[in-house]
C-alpha atoms as a PDB file:
ATOM      1  CA  MET A   1       0.000   0.000   0.000  1.00  0.00           C
ATOM      2  CA  ALA A   2       1.510   3.316  -1.069  1.00  0.00           C
ATOM      3  CA  SER A   3       1.704   6.104   1.460  1.00  0.00           C
ATOM      4  CA  GLY A   4       1.238   9.441  -0.268  1.00  0.00           C
ATOM      5  CA  PRO A   5       1.416  12.929   1.187  1.00  0.00           C
ATOM      6  CA  LEU A   6      -2.338  13.047   1.778  1.00  0.00           C
ATOM      7  CA  THR A   7      -2.240   9.783   3.730  1.00  0.00           C
ATOM      8  CA  THR A   8       0.623  11.111   5.833  1.00  0.00           C
ATOM      9  CA  LEU A   9      -1.244  14.347   6.528  1.00  0.00           C
ATOM     10  CA  VAL A  10      -4.389  12.454   7.564  1.00  0.00           C
ATOM     11  CA  ARG A  11      -2.346  10.219   9.880  1.00  0.00           C
ATOM     12  CA  LEU A  12      -0.659  13.251  11.452  1.00  0.00           C
ATOM     13  CA  THR A  13      -4.011  14.959  11.969  1.00  0.00           C
ATOM     14  CA  PHE A  14      -6.139  12.049  13.190  1.00  0.00           C
ATOM     15  CA  GLY A  15      -3.806   9.095  13.827  1.00  0.00           C
ATOM     16  CA  ASN A  16      -2.414   9.712  17.303  1.00  0.00           C
ATOM     17  CA  ARG A  17      -3.820  10.108  20.799  1.00  0.00           C
ATOM     18  CA  ALA A  18      -2.667  13.706  21.268  1.00  0.00           C
ATOM     19  CA  SER A  19      -4.381  14.952  18.098  1.00  0.00           C
ATOM     20  CA  GLN A  20      -7.476  12.888  18.867  1.00  0.00           C
ATOM     21  CA  ALA A  21      -7.685  14.335  22.380  1.00  0.00           C
ATOM     22  CA  TYR A  22      -7.277  17.872  21.021  1.00  0.00           C
ATOM     23  CA  LEU A  23      -9.973  17.327  18.382  1.00  0.00           C
ATOM     24  CA  ALA A  24     -12.289  15.775  20.988  1.00  0.00           C
ATOM     25  CA  LEU A  25     -11.799  18.796  23.245  1.00  0.00           C
ATOM     26  CA  VAL A  26     -12.604  21.131  20.347  1.00  0.00           C
ATOM     27  CA  ALA A  27     -15.699  19.084  19.433  1.00  0.00           C
ATOM     28  CA  ALA A  28     -16.937  19.069  23.036  1.00  0.00           C
ATOM     29  CA  THR A  29     -16.397  22.826  23.231  1.00  0.00           C
ATOM     30  CA  ALA A  30     -18.266  23.319  19.953  1.00  0.00           C
ATOM     31  CA  VAL A  31     -21.215  21.340  21.330  1.00  0.00           C
ATOM     32  CA  PHE A  32     -21.131  23.441  24.517  1.00  0.00           C
ATOM     33  CA  VAL A  33     -21.110  26.656  22.457  1.00  0.00           C
ATOM     34  CA  ALA A  34     -23.967  25.430  20.260  1.00  0.00           C
ATOM     35  CA  VAL A  35     -26.104  24.453  23.256  1.00  0.00           C
ATOM     36  CA  ASP A  36     -25.321  27.721  25.019  1.00  0.00           C
ATOM     37  CA  THR A  37     -26.118  29.759  21.922  1.00  0.00           C
ATOM     38  CA  LEU A  38     -29.284  27.954  20.876  1.00  0.00           C
ATOM     39  CA  LEU A  39     -30.905  26.819  24.110  1.00  0.00           C
ATOM     40  CA  VAL A  40     -29.831  29.155  26.920  1.00  0.00           C
ATOM     41  CA  HIS A  41     -31.356  32.603  27.261  1.00  0.00           C
ATOM     42  CA  HIS A  42     -28.920  35.293  28.429  1.00  0.00           C
ATOM     43  CA  GLN A  43     -29.590  38.842  29.549  1.00  0.00           C
ATOM     44  CA  ASP A  44     -26.342  39.914  27.909  1.00  0.00           C
ATOM     45  CA  ALA A  45     -24.149  38.394  25.256  1.00  0.00           C
ATOM     46  CA  SER A  46     -22.558  35.051  26.084  1.00  0.00           C
ATOM     47  CA  PHE A  47     -18.825  34.653  25.766  1.00  0.00           C
ATOM     48  CA  ALA A  48     -18.987  30.879  25.313  1.00  0.00           C
ATOM     49  CA  GLY A  49     -17.764  31.142  21.709  1.00  0.00           C
ATOM     50  CA  VAL A  50     -14.509  32.667  22.891  1.00  0.00           C
ATOM     51  CA  TRP A  51     -13.403  29.235  24.121  1.00  0.00           C
ATOM     52  CA  LEU A  52     -13.361  27.918  20.550  1.00  0.00           C
ATOM     53  CA  PHE A  53     -11.067  30.729  19.515  1.00  0.00           C
ATOM     54  CA  PHE A  54      -8.806  30.079  22.506  1.00  0.00           C
ATOM     55  CA  LEU A  55      -8.500  26.456  21.381  1.00  0.00           C
ATOM     56  CA  ALA A  56      -7.790  27.517  17.782  1.00  0.00           C
ATOM     57  CA  ALA A  57      -5.252  30.184  18.743  1.00  0.00           C
ATOM     58  CA  PRO A  58      -2.701  31.188  17.454  1.00  0.00           C
ATOM     59  CA  THR A  59      -3.422  29.810  13.975  1.00  0.00           C
ATOM     60  CA  VAL A  60      -6.873  31.364  13.726  1.00  0.00           C
ATOM     61  CA  PHE A  61      -5.359  34.808  14.247  1.00  0.00           C
ATOM     62  CA  VAL A  62      -3.119  34.306  11.211  1.00  0.00           C
ATOM     63  CA  PHE A  63      -6.254  33.689   9.163  1.00  0.00           C
ATOM     64  CA  PHE A  64      -7.873  36.795  10.639  1.00  0.00           C
ATOM     65  CA  ILE A  65      -4.863  38.918   9.701  1.00  0.00           C
ATOM     66  CA  GLY A  66      -5.064  37.530   6.158  1.00  0.00           C
ATOM     67  CA  GLY A  67      -8.792  38.230   6.105  1.00  0.00           C
ATOM     68  CA  GLU A  68      -8.229  41.826   7.164  1.00  0.00           C
ATOM     69  CA  LEU A  69      -5.882  42.214   4.198  1.00  0.00           C
ATOM     70  CA  LEU A  70      -8.775  41.165   1.949  1.00  0.00           C
ATOM     71  CA  GLY A  71     -11.102  43.692   3.587  1.00  0.00           C
ATOM     72  CA  THR A  72     -13.222  43.932   6.706  1.00  0.00           C
ATOM     73  CA  THR A  73     -16.364  42.767   4.923  1.00  0.00           C
ATOM     74  CA  VAL A  74     -14.636  39.486   4.072  1.00  0.00           C
ATOM     75  CA  ALA A  75     -13.009  39.041   7.479  1.00  0.00           C
ATOM     76  CA  ASP A  76     -16.242  39.706   9.382  1.00  0.00           C
ATOM     77  CA  SER A  77     -18.425  37.345   7.355  1.00  0.00           C
ATOM     78  CA  ALA A  78     -19.478  33.949   8.685  1.00  0.00           C
ATOM     79  CA  ALA A  79     -18.395  32.444   5.347  1.00  0.00           C
ATOM     80  CA  PHE A  80     -14.824  33.379   6.297  1.00  0.00           C
ATOM     81  CA  VAL A  81     -14.807  32.946  10.092  1.00  0.00           C
ATOM     82  CA  TYR A  82     -16.157  29.380  10.315  1.00  0.00           C
ATOM     83  CA  PRO A  83     -13.861  27.831   7.672  1.00  0.00           C
ATOM     84  CA  ALA A  84     -10.924  29.734   9.195  1.00  0.00           C
ATOM     85  CA  LEU A  85     -11.784  28.255  12.583  1.00  0.00           C
ATOM     86  CA  VAL A  86     -12.072  24.706  11.205  1.00  0.00           C
ATOM     87  CA  LEU A  87      -8.847  24.986   9.185  1.00  0.00           C
ATOM     88  CA  SER A  88      -7.030  26.389  12.204  1.00  0.00           C
ATOM     89  CA  VAL A  89      -8.066  23.441  14.348  1.00  0.00           C
ATOM     90  CA  LEU A  90      -7.054  20.937  11.651  1.00  0.00           C
ATOM     91  CA  ILE A  91      -3.680  22.634  11.112  1.00  0.00           C
ATOM     92  CA  GLN A  92      -2.991  22.561  14.822  1.00  0.00           C
ATOM     93  CA  ALA A  93      -4.027  18.900  15.098  1.00  0.00           C
ATOM     94  CA  ALA A  94      -1.583  18.086  12.272  1.00  0.00           C
ATOM     95  CA  ALA A  95       1.149  20.103  13.975  1.00  0.00           C
ATOM     96  CA  LEU A  96       0.471  18.274  17.219  1.00  0.00           C
ATOM     97  CA  GLY A  97       0.697  14.960  15.353  1.00  0.00           C
ATOM     98  CA  ALA A  98       3.995  16.011  13.771  1.00  0.00           C
ATOM     99  CA  PHE A  99       5.318  16.944  17.203  1.00  0.00           C
ATOM    100  CA  VAL A 100       4.301  13.555  18.592  1.00  0.00           C
ATOM    101  CA  ARG A 101       5.995  11.819  15.661  1.00  0.00           C
ATOM    102  CA  LEU A 102       9.133  13.898  16.229  1.00  0.00           C
ATOM    103  CA  MET A 103       9.217  12.989  19.921  1.00  0.00           C
ATOM    104  CA  ARG A 104       8.780   9.297  19.108  1.00  0.00           C
ATOM    105  CA  GLY A 105      11.718   9.392  16.725  1.00  0.00           C
ATOM    106  CA  GLY A 106      10.074   9.385  13.307  1.00  0.00           C
ATOM    107  CA  PRO A 107       7.623   7.147  11.486  1.00  0.00           C
ATOM    108  CA  ARG A 108       7.267   3.560  12.615  1.00  0.00           C
ATOM    109  CA  PRO A 109       6.710   0.602  10.338  1.00  0.00           C
ATOM    110  CA  SER A 110       3.058  -0.214   9.848  1.00  0.00           C
ATOM    111  CA  HIS A 111       3.701  -3.959   9.649  1.00  0.00           C
ATOM    112  CA  PRO A 112       6.177  -6.124  11.622  1.00  0.00           C
ATOM    113  CA  ARG A 113       7.757  -7.472   8.408  1.00  0.00           C
ATOM    114  CA  GLU A 114       8.800  -3.923   7.452  1.00  0.00           C
ATOM    115  CA  ALA A 115      10.947  -3.526  10.568  1.00  0.00           C
END
């Protein structure tokens, strides 16, 4: 089975416990934000959504800077903010996976005969 760059990227992003734990934390936070936004009535604005941006920082801020270069109407639109948030989380999960691989000493054989 050939291992291309896309397969490697998917394994870095989803194929280790650290990345999986990070993505699970982000998913749980997203559910919390959705429940808080849709089902809980607040007198003032809720800051629950800020937690998602804390989890996506610092990568999400790079996207926001790039969005500001395109114009404030682009950077402030939901069509820009939500994909930027998702891409930021995926980039950071891949970076976390690369860090885990680096700490383990590189890629390991997928089958005992390859060792």
